[in-house]
Amino acid sequence: MKNRFFRVIIVLVLFELGILLVFLPWSTQYWDHNFFLGRYPELIRFLLHPAVRGMISGLGILDIIVAINLLRRAPTPSAQ
């Protein structure tokens, strides 16, 4: 029972993190005006580059795929 609970928590965290990483880099409200860009202006050219945003979105898609694969995989029998 405990194994199933942790598995559900891991799947939810991976899925939510994936959704966040897919959409957050393309949100101008949050991505273009954040703490790091105000504190370290030399990061502006790097963090606002479309390729960097695409890589971060790709990590989000990878998180979603891992979460889906964890759901599809049969649970291992627990040792008693």
C-alpha atoms as a PDB file:
ATOM      1  CA  MET A   1       0.000   0.000   0.000  1.00  0.00           C
ATOM      2  CA  LYS A   2       2.824   2.399   0.894  1.00  0.00           C
ATOM      3  CA  ASN A   3       4.573   1.625  -2.400  1.00  0.00           C
ATOM      4  CA  ARG A   4       1.447   2.557  -4.360  1.00  0.00           C
ATOM      5  CA  PHE A   5       1.086   5.840  -2.454  1.00  0.00           C
ATOM      6  CA  PHE A   6       4.684   6.877  -3.181  1.00  0.00           C
ATOM      7  CA  ARG A   7       4.277   5.881  -6.804  1.00  0.00           C
ATOM      8  CA  VAL A   8       1.208   8.123  -7.163  1.00  0.00           C
ATOM      9  CA  ILE A   9       3.034  11.009  -5.486  1.00  0.00           C
ATOM     10  CA  ILE A  10       6.044  10.611  -7.808  1.00  0.00           C
ATOM     11  CA  VAL A  11       3.810  10.476 -10.895  1.00  0.00           C
ATOM     12  CA  LEU A  12       1.913  13.602  -9.816  1.00  0.00           C
ATOM     13  CA  VAL A  13       5.090  15.549  -9.062  1.00  0.00           C
ATOM     14  CA  LEU A  14       6.694  14.549 -12.376  1.00  0.00           C
ATOM     15  CA  PHE A  15       3.560  15.418 -14.338  1.00  0.00           C
ATOM     16  CA  GLU A  16       3.075  18.791 -12.654  1.00  0.00           C
ATOM     17  CA  LEU A  17       6.754  19.670 -13.008  1.00  0.00           C
ATOM     18  CA  GLY A  18       6.582  18.695 -16.670  1.00  0.00           C
ATOM     19  CA  ILE A  19       3.575  20.924 -17.313  1.00  0.00           C
ATOM     20  CA  LEU A  20       5.308  23.778 -15.518  1.00  0.00           C
ATOM     21  CA  LEU A  21       8.521  23.341 -17.527  1.00  0.00           C
ATOM     22  CA  VAL A  22       6.648  23.157 -20.825  1.00  0.00           C
ATOM     23  CA  PHE A  23       4.672  26.368 -20.418  1.00  0.00           C
ATOM     24  CA  LEU A  24       6.701  28.575 -18.043  1.00  0.00           C
ATOM     25  CA  PRO A  25       9.593  29.454 -20.432  1.00  0.00           C
ATOM     26  CA  TRP A  26       7.134  30.821 -22.989  1.00  0.00           C
ATOM     27  CA  SER A  27       5.216  32.924 -20.450  1.00  0.00           C
ATOM     28  CA  THR A  28       6.430  36.492 -20.812  1.00  0.00           C
ATOM     29  CA  GLN A  29       4.818  37.525 -17.548  1.00  0.00           C
ATOM     30  CA  TYR A  30       6.917  35.169 -15.408  1.00  0.00           C
ATOM     31  CA  TRP A  31       9.940  34.199 -17.501  1.00  0.00           C
ATOM     32  CA  ASP A  32      10.913  37.624 -18.846  1.00  0.00           C
ATOM     33  CA  HIS A  33      10.550  39.371 -15.481  1.00  0.00           C
ATOM     34  CA  ASN A  34      12.090  37.183 -12.789  1.00  0.00           C
ATOM     35  CA  PHE A  35      14.525  37.546  -9.900  1.00  0.00           C
ATOM     36  CA  PHE A  36      17.559  36.194 -11.738  1.00  0.00           C
ATOM     37  CA  LEU A  37      17.231  38.534 -14.708  1.00  0.00           C
ATOM     38  CA  GLY A  38      16.950  41.533 -12.400  1.00  0.00           C
ATOM     39  CA  ARG A  39      19.826  40.424 -10.174  1.00  0.00           C
ATOM     40  CA  TYR A  40      22.137  39.131 -12.930  1.00  0.00           C
ATOM     41  CA  PRO A  41      21.504  41.116 -16.136  1.00  0.00           C
ATOM     42  CA  GLU A  42      24.235  39.192 -17.985  1.00  0.00           C
ATOM     43  CA  LEU A  43      21.887  36.174 -18.016  1.00  0.00           C
ATOM     44  CA  ILE A  44      19.317  38.017 -20.147  1.00  0.00           C
ATOM     45  CA  ARG A  45      20.888  37.002 -23.473  1.00  0.00           C
ATOM     46  CA  PHE A  46      21.106  33.377 -22.357  1.00  0.00           C
ATOM     47  CA  LEU A  47      17.764  32.821 -20.594  1.00  0.00           C
ATOM     48  CA  LEU A  48      15.671  34.686 -23.153  1.00  0.00           C
ATOM     49  CA  HIS A  49      17.154  32.806 -26.124  1.00  0.00           C
ATOM     50  CA  PRO A  50      14.518  30.625 -27.848  1.00  0.00           C
ATOM     51  CA  ALA A  51      16.842  27.589 -27.913  1.00  0.00           C
ATOM     52  CA  VAL A  52      17.222  27.664 -24.125  1.00  0.00           C
ATOM     53  CA  ARG A  53      13.469  27.973 -23.730  1.00  0.00           C
ATOM     54  CA  GLY A  54      13.044  25.026 -26.084  1.00  0.00           C
ATOM     55  CA  MET A  55      15.513  22.894 -24.109  1.00  0.00           C
ATOM     56  CA  ILE A  56      13.679  23.606 -20.866  1.00  0.00           C
ATOM     57  CA  SER A  57      10.359  22.770 -22.519  1.00  0.00           C
ATOM     58  CA  GLY A  58      11.945  19.561 -23.800  1.00  0.00           C
ATOM     59  CA  LEU A  59      12.835  18.613 -20.229  1.00  0.00           C
ATOM     60  CA  GLY A  60       9.208  19.203 -19.316  1.00  0.00           C
ATOM     61  CA  ILE A  61       8.034  16.906 -22.098  1.00  0.00           C
ATOM     62  CA  LEU A  62      10.524  14.285 -20.900  1.00  0.00           C
ATOM     63  CA  ASP A  63       9.095  14.547 -17.364  1.00  0.00           C
ATOM     64  CA  ILE A  64       5.578  14.022 -18.703  1.00  0.00           C
ATOM     65  CA  ILE A  65       6.696  10.976 -20.710  1.00  0.00           C
ATOM     66  CA  VAL A  66       8.380   9.467 -17.640  1.00  0.00           C
ATOM     67  CA  ALA A  67       5.220  10.034 -15.581  1.00  0.00           C
ATOM     68  CA  ILE A  68       3.071   8.343 -18.233  1.00  0.00           C
ATOM     69  CA  ASN A  69       5.477   5.399 -18.434  1.00  0.00           C
ATOM     70  CA  LEU A  70       5.345   5.001 -14.654  1.00  0.00           C
ATOM     71  CA  LEU A  71       1.562   4.822 -14.897  1.00  0.00           C
ATOM     72  CA  ARG A  72       1.640   2.261 -17.689  1.00  0.00           C
ATOM     73  CA  ARG A  73       4.218  -0.016 -16.071  1.00  0.00           C
ATOM     74  CA  ALA A  74       2.810  -2.810 -13.925  1.00  0.00           C
ATOM     75  CA  PRO A  75       3.495  -2.336 -10.224  1.00  0.00           C
ATOM     76  CA  THR A  76       6.078  -4.669  -8.756  1.00  0.00           C
ATOM     77  CA  PRO A  77       4.803  -7.143  -6.179  1.00  0.00           C
ATOM     78  CA  SER A  78       5.696  -6.001  -2.672  1.00  0.00           C
ATOM     79  CA  ALA A  79       7.721  -8.309  -0.473  1.00  0.00           C
ATOM     80  CA  GLN A  80       5.999  -9.309   2.749  1.00  0.00           C
END
